[in-house]
Amino acid sequence: MAEISLELIGRRLDAIQTELRESKFAVDVDRRDAASWRTNLITEVAARLATFELRIDNRLEQIDNRLEQMDKKLARIEDLLQQALKR
């Protein structure tokens, strides 16, 4: 049986340690990228929600204005009907 030298074991351990450092670096880069992507996604979703909220608010205001105009017209029609019935 061939004897494994300590030098060979040392080189192999160094290679494993280098691979582990490279893997850790890659994981750290991926983690930072993921955090950046998450932050960008959150920012984009928040902006779109704010835009959506503004659109809804504007639409509700338009509906309120139309309802107010309709109320005035209905009140005017009721007044005219009451006047017509009094004659």
PDB file of N, CA and C in Angstrom:
ATOM      1  N   MET A   1       0.833  -1.179   0.000  1.00  0.00           N
ATOM      2  CA  MET A   1       0.000   0.000   0.000  1.00  0.00           C
ATOM      3  C   MET A   1       0.880   1.244   0.000  1.00  0.00           C
ATOM      4  N   ALA A   2       0.451   2.205  -0.803  1.00  0.00           N
ATOM      5  CA  ALA A   2       1.218   3.444  -0.863  1.00  0.00           C
ATOM      6  C   ALA A   2       0.909   4.284   0.350  1.00  0.00           C
ATOM      7  N   GLU A   3       1.927   4.865   0.861  1.00  0.00           N
ATOM      8  CA  GLU A   3       1.770   5.713   2.036  1.00  0.00           C
ATOM      9  C   GLU A   3       1.407   7.125   1.594  1.00  0.00           C
ATOM     10  N   ILE A   4       0.413   7.722   2.231  1.00  0.00           N
ATOM     11  CA  ILE A   4      -0.001   9.082   1.905  1.00  0.00           C
ATOM     12  C   ILE A   4       0.873  10.032   2.701  1.00  0.00           C
ATOM     13  N   SER A   5       1.493  10.944   1.998  1.00  0.00           N
ATOM     14  CA  SER A   5       2.409  11.864   2.688  1.00  0.00           C
ATOM     15  C   SER A   5       1.640  13.013   3.324  1.00  0.00           C
ATOM     16  N   LEU A   6       2.221  13.546   4.360  1.00  0.00           N
ATOM     17  CA  LEU A   6       1.627  14.705   5.036  1.00  0.00           C
ATOM     18  C   LEU A   6       1.587  15.898   4.093  1.00  0.00           C
ATOM     19  N   GLU A   7       2.559  15.973   3.205  1.00  0.00           N
ATOM     20  CA  GLU A   7       2.595  17.085   2.243  1.00  0.00           C
ATOM     21  C   GLU A   7       1.390  17.013   1.305  1.00  0.00           C
ATOM     22  N   LEU A   8       1.055  15.821   0.840  1.00  0.00           N
ATOM     23  CA  LEU A   8      -0.108  15.635  -0.032  1.00  0.00           C
ATOM     24  C   LEU A   8      -1.394  15.991   0.709  1.00  0.00           C
ATOM     25  N   ILE A   9      -1.504  15.559   1.942  1.00  0.00           N
ATOM     26  CA  ILE A   9      -2.679  15.883   2.764  1.00  0.00           C
ATOM     27  C   ILE A   9      -2.771  17.398   2.964  1.00  0.00           C
ATOM     28  N   GLY A  10      -1.647  18.041   3.222  1.00  0.00           N
ATOM     29  CA  GLY A  10      -1.622  19.490   3.427  1.00  0.00           C
ATOM     30  C   GLY A  10      -2.068  20.231   2.181  1.00  0.00           C
ATOM     31  N   ARG A  11      -1.570  19.792   1.004  1.00  0.00           N
ATOM     32  CA  ARG A  11      -1.976  20.444  -0.241  1.00  0.00           C
ATOM     33  C   ARG A  11      -3.469  20.256  -0.484  1.00  0.00           C
ATOM     34  N   ARG A  12      -3.933  19.049  -0.201  1.00  0.00           N
ATOM     35  CA  ARG A  12      -5.360  18.775  -0.405  1.00  0.00           C
ATOM     36  C   ARG A  12      -6.225  19.621   0.536  1.00  0.00           C
ATOM     37  N   LEU A  13      -5.801  19.746   1.787  1.00  0.00           N
ATOM     38  CA  LEU A  13      -6.539  20.586   2.747  1.00  0.00           C
ATOM     39  C   LEU A  13      -6.514  22.050   2.324  1.00  0.00           C
ATOM     40  N   ASP A  14      -5.368  22.526   1.806  1.00  0.00           N
ATOM     41  CA  ASP A  14      -5.287  23.898   1.304  1.00  0.00           C
ATOM     42  C   ASP A  14      -6.258  24.109   0.142  1.00  0.00           C
ATOM     43  N   ALA A  15      -6.320  23.131  -0.759  1.00  0.00           N
ATOM     44  CA  ALA A  15      -7.231  23.221  -1.902  1.00  0.00           C
ATOM     45  C   ALA A  15      -8.685  23.262  -1.431  1.00  0.00           C
ATOM     46  N   ILE A  16      -9.016  22.429  -0.448  1.00  0.00           N
ATOM     47  CA  ILE A  16     -10.376  22.409   0.096  1.00  0.00           C
ATOM     48  C   ILE A  16     -10.699  23.751   0.756  1.00  0.00           C
ATOM     49  N   GLN A  17      -9.714  24.272   1.506  1.00  0.00           N
ATOM     50  CA  GLN A  17      -9.914  25.559   2.175  1.00  0.00           C
ATOM     51  C   GLN A  17     -10.126  26.671   1.144  1.00  0.00           C
ATOM     52  N   THR A  18      -9.375  26.651   0.064  1.00  0.00           N
ATOM     53  CA  THR A  18      -9.538  27.642  -1.008  1.00  0.00           C
ATOM     54  C   THR A  18     -10.928  27.520  -1.632  1.00  0.00           C
ATOM     55  N   GLU A  19     -11.383  26.306  -1.904  1.00  0.00           N
ATOM     56  CA  GLU A  19     -12.717  26.090  -2.463  1.00  0.00           C
ATOM     57  C   GLU A  19     -13.796  26.620  -1.523  1.00  0.00           C
ATOM     58  N   LEU A  20     -13.606  26.370  -0.235  1.00  0.00           N
ATOM     59  CA  LEU A  20     -14.585  26.851   0.747  1.00  0.00           C
ATOM     60  C   LEU A  20     -14.625  28.377   0.789  1.00  0.00           C
ATOM     61  N   ARG A  21     -13.450  29.023   0.716  1.00  0.00           N
ATOM     62  CA  ARG A  21     -13.404  30.495   0.699  1.00  0.00           C
ATOM     63  C   ARG A  21     -14.110  31.037  -0.539  1.00  0.00           C
ATOM     64  N   GLU A  22     -13.862  30.414  -1.689  1.00  0.00           N
ATOM     65  CA  GLU A  22     -14.501  30.848  -2.930  1.00  0.00           C
ATOM     66  C   GLU A  22     -16.014  30.653  -2.859  1.00  0.00           C
ATOM     67  N   SER A  23     -16.442  29.543  -2.287  1.00  0.00           N
ATOM     68  CA  SER A  23     -17.876  29.287  -2.131  1.00  0.00           C
ATOM     69  C   SER A  23     -18.506  30.312  -1.196  1.00  0.00           C
ATOM     70  N   LYS A  24     -17.822  30.613  -0.097  1.00  0.00           N
ATOM     71  CA  LYS A  24     -18.329  31.607   0.862  1.00  0.00           C
ATOM     72  C   LYS A  24     -18.437  32.968   0.193  1.00  0.00           C
ATOM     73  N   PHE A  25     -17.427  33.327  -0.592  1.00  0.00           N
ATOM     74  CA  PHE A  25     -17.463  34.601  -1.305  1.00  0.00           C
ATOM     75  C   PHE A  25     -18.654  34.638  -2.257  1.00  0.00           C
ATOM     76  N   ALA A  26     -18.860  33.564  -3.007  1.00  0.00           N
ATOM     77  CA  ALA A  26     -19.987  33.501  -3.953  1.00  0.00           C
ATOM     78  C   ALA A  26     -21.315  33.619  -3.224  1.00  0.00           C
ATOM     79  N   VAL A  27     -21.437  32.967  -2.069  1.00  0.00           N
ATOM     80  CA  VAL A  27     -22.669  33.044  -1.275  1.00  0.00           C
ATOM     81  C   VAL A  27     -22.877  34.463  -0.763  1.00  0.00           C
ATOM     82  N   ASP A  28     -21.795  35.113  -0.312  1.00  0.00           N
ATOM     83  CA  ASP A  28     -21.913  36.494   0.163  1.00  0.00           C
ATOM     84  C   ASP A  28     -22.363  37.428  -0.957  1.00  0.00           C
ATOM     85  N   VAL A  29     -21.791  37.233  -2.154  1.00  0.00           N
ATOM     86  CA  VAL A  29     -22.189  38.053  -3.305  1.00  0.00           C
ATOM     87  C   VAL A  29     -23.660  37.803  -3.624  1.00  0.00           C
ATOM     88  N   ASP A  30     -24.062  36.537  -3.656  1.00  0.00           N
ATOM     89  CA  ASP A  30     -25.465  36.204  -3.928  1.00  0.00           C
ATOM     90  C   ASP A  30     -26.396  36.810  -2.886  1.00  0.00           C
ATOM     91  N   ARG A  31     -25.974  36.772  -1.625  1.00  0.00           N
ATOM     92  CA  ARG A  31     -26.792  37.330  -0.546  1.00  0.00           C
ATOM     93  C   ARG A  31     -26.964  38.836  -0.729  1.00  0.00           C
ATOM     94  N   ARG A  32     -25.858  39.527  -1.065  1.00  0.00           N
ATOM     95  CA  ARG A  32     -25.958  40.979  -1.289  1.00  0.00           C
ATOM     96  C   ARG A  32     -26.828  41.276  -2.503  1.00  0.00           C
ATOM     97  N   ASP A  33     -26.670  40.494  -3.556  1.00  0.00           N
ATOM     98  CA  ASP A  33     -27.506  40.679  -4.747  1.00  0.00           C
ATOM     99  C   ASP A  33     -28.974  40.450  -4.424  1.00  0.00           C
ATOM    100  N   ALA A  34     -29.236  39.393  -3.660  1.00  0.00           N
ATOM    101  CA  ALA A  34     -30.627  39.084  -3.293  1.00  0.00           C
ATOM    102  C   ALA A  34     -31.212  40.214  -2.454  1.00  0.00           C
ATOM    103  N   ALA A  35     -30.420  40.751  -1.540  1.00  0.00           N
ATOM    104  CA  ALA A  35     -30.910  41.866  -0.716  1.00  0.00           C
ATOM    105  C   ALA A  35     -31.195  43.086  -1.590  1.00  0.00           C
ATOM    106  N   SER A  36     -30.325  43.339  -2.543  1.00  0.00           N
ATOM    107  CA  SER A  36     -30.519  44.462  -3.450  1.00  0.00           C
ATOM    108  C   SER A  36     -31.761  44.249  -4.305  1.00  0.00           C
ATOM    109  N   TRP A  37     -31.918  43.048  -4.825  1.00  0.00           N
ATOM    110  CA  TRP A  37     -33.109  42.744  -5.627  1.00  0.00           C
ATOM    111  C   TRP A  37     -34.374  42.898  -4.793  1.00  0.00           C
ATOM    112  N   ARG A  38     -34.320  42.408  -3.544  1.00  0.00           N
ATOM    113  CA  ARG A  38     -35.486  42.520  -2.665  1.00  0.00           C
ATOM    114  C   ARG A  38     -35.823  43.987  -2.412  1.00  0.00           C
ATOM    115  N   THR A  39     -34.798  44.794  -2.137  1.00  0.00           N
ATOM    116  CA  THR A  39     -35.018  46.213  -1.893  1.00  0.00           C
ATOM    117  C   THR A  39     -35.608  46.887  -3.124  1.00  0.00           C
ATOM    118  N   ASN A  40     -35.067  46.559  -4.292  1.00  0.00           N
ATOM    119  CA  ASN A  40     -35.604  47.132  -5.534  1.00  0.00           C
ATOM    120  C   ASN A  40     -37.045  46.703  -5.762  1.00  0.00           C
ATOM    121  N   LEU A  41     -37.334  45.449  -5.487  1.00  0.00           N
ATOM    122  CA  LEU A  41     -38.695  44.939  -5.664  1.00  0.00           C
ATOM    123  C   LEU A  41     -39.661  45.643  -4.714  1.00  0.00           C
ATOM    124  N   ILE A  42     -39.249  45.780  -3.463  1.00  0.00           N
ATOM    125  CA  ILE A  42     -40.094  46.456  -2.473  1.00  0.00           C
ATOM    126  C   ILE A  42     -40.351  47.904  -2.892  1.00  0.00           C
ATOM    127  N   THR A  43     -39.308  48.573  -3.379  1.00  0.00           N
ATOM    128  CA  THR A  43     -39.442  49.958  -3.817  1.00  0.00           C
ATOM    129  C   THR A  43     -40.403  50.056  -4.998  1.00  0.00           C
ATOM    130  N   GLU A  44     -40.257  49.151  -5.952  1.00  0.00           N
ATOM    131  CA  GLU A  44     -41.128  49.179  -7.131  1.00  0.00           C
ATOM    132  C   GLU A  44     -42.582  48.885  -6.757  1.00  0.00           C
ATOM    133  N   VAL A  45     -42.787  47.898  -5.900  1.00  0.00           N
ATOM    134  CA  VAL A  45     -44.152  47.561  -5.481  1.00  0.00           C
ATOM    135  C   VAL A  45     -44.769  48.727  -4.715  1.00  0.00           C
ATOM    136  N   ALA A  46     -43.994  49.349  -3.847  1.00  0.00           N
ATOM    137  CA  ALA A  46     -44.505  50.493  -3.078  1.00  0.00           C
ATOM    138  C   ALA A  46     -44.890  51.638  -4.008  1.00  0.00           C
ATOM    139  N   ALA A  47     -44.056  51.900  -5.010  1.00  0.00           N
ATOM    140  CA  ALA A  47     -44.361  52.979  -5.961  1.00  0.00           C
ATOM    141  C   ALA A  47     -45.627  52.662  -6.745  1.00  0.00           C
ATOM    142  N   ARG A  48     -45.766  51.426  -7.172  1.00  0.00           N
ATOM    143  CA  ARG A  48     -46.961  51.047  -7.932  1.00  0.00           C
ATOM    144  C   ARG A  48     -48.215  51.104  -7.052  1.00  0.00           C
ATOM    145  N   LEU A  49     -48.080  50.700  -5.793  1.00  0.00           N
ATOM    146  CA  LEU A  49     -49.224  50.792  -4.882  1.00  0.00           C
ATOM    147  C   LEU A  49     -49.622  52.243  -4.641  1.00  0.00           C
ATOM    148  N   ALA A  50     -48.624  53.111  -4.503  1.00  0.00           N
ATOM    149  CA  ALA A  50     -48.921  54.529  -4.302  1.00  0.00           C
ATOM    150  C   ALA A  50     -49.622  55.102  -5.523  1.00  0.00           C
ATOM    151  N   THR A  51     -49.153  54.733  -6.709  1.00  0.00           N
ATOM    152  CA  THR A  51     -49.797  55.193  -7.941  1.00  0.00           C
ATOM    153  C   THR A  51     -51.223  54.673  -8.029  1.00  0.00           C
ATOM    154  N   PHE A  52     -51.398  53.409  -7.696  1.00  0.00           N
ATOM    155  CA  PHE A  52     -52.732  52.809  -7.705  1.00  0.00           C
ATOM    156  C   PHE A  52     -53.647  53.513  -6.717  1.00  0.00           C
ATOM    157  N   GLU A  53     -53.123  53.801  -5.532  1.00  0.00           N
ATOM    158  CA  GLU A  53     -53.914  54.493  -4.512  1.00  0.00           C
ATOM    159  C   GLU A  53     -54.340  55.882  -4.997  1.00  0.00           C
ATOM    160  N   LEU A  54     -53.425  56.591  -5.653  1.00  0.00           N
ATOM    161  CA  LEU A  54     -53.774  57.908  -6.189  1.00  0.00           C
ATOM    162  C   LEU A  54     -54.856  57.805  -7.250  1.00  0.00           C
ATOM    163  N   ARG A  55     -54.745  56.792  -8.108  1.00  0.00           N
ATOM    164  CA  ARG A  55     -55.770  56.605  -9.142  1.00  0.00           C
ATOM    165  C   ARG A  55     -57.127  56.322  -8.512  1.00  0.00           C
ATOM    166  N   ILE A  56     -57.130  55.471  -7.508  1.00  0.00           N
ATOM    167  CA  ILE A  56     -58.389  55.147  -6.825  1.00  0.00           C
ATOM    168  C   ILE A  56     -58.959  56.396  -6.150  1.00  0.00           C
ATOM    169  N   ASP A  57     -58.099  57.152  -5.479  1.00  0.00           N
ATOM    170  CA  ASP A  57     -58.564  58.384  -4.821  1.00  0.00           C
ATOM    171  C   ASP A  57     -59.157  59.354  -5.834  1.00  0.00           C
ATOM    172  N   ASN A  58     -58.462  59.526  -6.964  1.00  0.00           N
ATOM    173  CA  ASN A  58     -58.978  60.426  -8.004  1.00  0.00           C
ATOM    174  C   ASN A  58     -60.308  59.930  -8.552  1.00  0.00           C
ATOM    175  N   ARG A  59     -60.397  58.640  -8.780  1.00  0.00           N
ATOM    176  CA  ARG A  59     -61.641  58.060  -9.311  1.00  0.00           C
ATOM    177  C   ARG A  59     -62.785  58.237  -8.305  1.00  0.00           C
ATOM    178  N   LEU A  60     -62.508  57.995  -7.032  1.00  0.00           N
ATOM    179  CA  LEU A  60     -63.541  58.180  -6.000  1.00  0.00           C
ATOM    180  C   LEU A  60     -63.980  59.635  -5.917  1.00  0.00           C
ATOM    181  N   GLU A  61     -63.036  60.557  -6.065  1.00  0.00           N
ATOM    182  CA  GLU A  61     -63.385  61.977  -6.050  1.00  0.00           C
ATOM    183  C   GLU A  61     -64.279  62.320  -7.240  1.00  0.00           C
ATOM    184  N   GLN A  62     -63.967  61.769  -8.411  1.00  0.00           N
ATOM    185  CA  GLN A  62     -64.818  61.997  -9.590  1.00  0.00           C
ATOM    186  C   GLN A  62     -66.228  61.449  -9.354  1.00  0.00           C
ATOM    187  N   ILE A  63     -66.296  60.270  -8.769  1.00  0.00           N
ATOM    188  CA  ILE A  63     -67.598  59.661  -8.486  1.00  0.00           C
ATOM    189  C   ILE A  63     -68.372  60.518  -7.487  1.00  0.00           C
ATOM    190  N   ASP A  64     -67.676  60.997  -6.450  1.00  0.00           N
ATOM    191  CA  ASP A  64     -68.335  61.877  -5.475  1.00  0.00           C
ATOM    192  C   ASP A  64     -68.874  63.133  -6.144  1.00  0.00           C
ATOM    193  N   ASN A  65     -68.087  63.716  -7.043  1.00  0.00           N
ATOM    194  CA  ASN A  65     -68.537  64.930  -7.748  1.00  0.00           C
ATOM    195  C   ASN A  65     -69.757  64.635  -8.604  1.00  0.00           C
ATOM    196  N   ARG A  66     -69.745  63.527  -9.295  1.00  0.00           N
ATOM    197  CA  ARG A  66     -70.898  63.163 -10.132  1.00  0.00           C
ATOM    198  C   ARG A  66     -72.142  62.923  -9.282  1.00  0.00           C
ATOM    199  N   LEU A  67     -71.949  62.236  -8.155  1.00  0.00           N
ATOM    200  CA  LEU A  67     -73.090  61.990  -7.262  1.00  0.00           C
ATOM    201  C   LEU A  67     -73.645  63.297  -6.711  1.00  0.00           C
ATOM    202  N   GLU A  68     -72.748  64.216  -6.394  1.00  0.00           N
ATOM    203  CA  GLU A  68     -73.193  65.519  -5.892  1.00  0.00           C
ATOM    204  C   GLU A  68     -74.002  66.257  -6.963  1.00  0.00           C
ATOM    205  N   GLN A  69     -73.529  66.214  -8.211  1.00  0.00           N
ATOM    206  CA  GLN A  69     -74.267  66.854  -9.308  1.00  0.00           C
ATOM    207  C   GLN A  69     -75.626  66.188  -9.495  1.00  0.00           C
ATOM    208  N   MET A  70     -75.642  64.859  -9.404  1.00  0.00           N
ATOM    209  CA  MET A  70     -76.906  64.136  -9.553  1.00  0.00           C
ATOM    210  C   MET A  70     -77.866  64.494  -8.423  1.00  0.00           C
ATOM    211  N   ASP A  71     -77.345  64.610  -7.203  1.00  0.00           N
ATOM    212  CA  ASP A  71     -78.190  65.014  -6.075  1.00  0.00           C
ATOM    213  C   ASP A  71     -78.825  66.384  -6.328  1.00  0.00           C
ATOM    214  N   LYS A  72     -78.028  67.315  -6.848  1.00  0.00           N
ATOM    215  CA  LYS A  72     -78.553  68.657  -7.146  1.00  0.00           C
ATOM    216  C   LYS A  72     -79.628  68.580  -8.228  1.00  0.00           C
ATOM    217  N   LYS A  73     -79.374  67.789  -9.259  1.00  0.00           N
ATOM    218  CA  LYS A  73     -80.364  67.658 -10.334  1.00  0.00           C
ATOM    219  C   LYS A  73     -81.643  67.006  -9.833  1.00  0.00           C
ATOM    220  N   LEU A  74     -81.478  65.962  -8.995  1.00  0.00           N
ATOM    221  CA  LEU A  74     -82.666  65.307  -8.437  1.00  0.00           C
ATOM    222  C   LEU A  74     -83.450  66.246  -7.531  1.00  0.00           C
ATOM    223  N   ALA A  75     -82.726  67.035  -6.746  1.00  0.00           N
ATOM    224  CA  ALA A  75     -83.411  68.012  -5.886  1.00  0.00           C
ATOM    225  C   ALA A  75     -84.164  69.029  -6.747  1.00  0.00           C
ATOM    226  N   ARG A  76     -83.563  69.461  -7.835  1.00  0.00           N
ATOM    227  CA  ARG A  76     -84.222  70.415  -8.748  1.00  0.00           C
ATOM    228  C   ARG A  76     -85.460  69.775  -9.384  1.00  0.00           C
ATOM    229  N   ILE A  77     -85.341  68.503  -9.782  1.00  0.00           N
ATOM    230  CA  ILE A  77     -86.490  67.794 -10.369  1.00  0.00           C
ATOM    231  C   ILE A  77     -87.614  67.658  -9.339  1.00  0.00           C
ATOM    232  N   GLU A  78     -87.248  67.329  -8.098  1.00  0.00           N
ATOM    233  CA  GLU A  78     -88.264  67.208  -7.041  1.00  0.00           C
ATOM    234  C   GLU A  78     -88.975  68.545  -6.825  1.00  0.00           C
ATOM    235  N   ASP A  79     -88.200  69.629  -6.809  1.00  0.00           N
ATOM    236  CA  ASP A  79     -88.797  70.959  -6.646  1.00  0.00           C
ATOM    237  C   ASP A  79     -89.778  71.265  -7.789  1.00  0.00           C
ATOM    238  N   LEU A  80     -89.341  70.949  -9.009  1.00  0.00           N
ATOM    239  CA  LEU A  80     -90.213  71.197 -10.169  1.00  0.00           C
ATOM    240  C   LEU A  80     -91.476  70.353 -10.091  1.00  0.00           C
ATOM    241  N   LEU A  81     -91.346  69.099  -9.671  1.00  0.00           N
ATOM    242  CA  LEU A  81     -92.515  68.227  -9.534  1.00  0.00           C
ATOM    243  C   LEU A  81     -93.465  68.750  -8.458  1.00  0.00           C
ATOM    244  N   GLN A  82     -92.898  69.179  -7.344  1.00  0.00           N
ATOM    245  CA  GLN A  82     -93.751  69.725  -6.275  1.00  0.00           C
ATOM    246  C   GLN A  82     -94.467  70.982  -6.744  1.00  0.00           C
ATOM    247  N   GLN A  83     -93.773  71.822  -7.478  1.00  0.00           N
ATOM    248  CA  GLN A  83     -94.408  73.025  -8.007  1.00  0.00           C
ATOM    249  C   GLN A  83     -95.510  72.667  -8.990  1.00  0.00           C
ATOM    250  N   ALA A  84     -95.241  71.651  -9.823  1.00  0.00           N
ATOM    251  CA  ALA A  84     -96.253  71.227 -10.803  1.00  0.00           C
ATOM    252  C   ALA A  84     -97.464  70.637 -10.109  1.00  0.00           C
ATOM    253  N   LEU A  85     -97.261  69.902  -9.013  1.00  0.00           N
ATOM    254  CA  LEU A  85     -98.377  69.301  -8.298  1.00  0.00           C
ATOM    255  C   LEU A  85     -99.194  70.355  -7.535  1.00  0.00           C
ATOM    256  N   LYS A  86     -98.600  71.466  -7.155  1.00  0.00           N
ATOM    257  CA  LYS A  86     -99.289  72.518  -6.427  1.00  0.00           C
ATOM    258  C   LYS A  86    -100.220  73.294  -7.344  1.00  0.00           C
ATOM    259  N   ARG A  87     -99.999  73.275  -8.612  1.00  0.00           N
ATOM    260  CA  ARG A  87    -100.830  74.051  -9.551  1.00  0.00           C
ATOM    261  C   ARG A  87    -102.148  73.435  -9.792  1.00  0.00           C
TER     262      ARG A  87
END
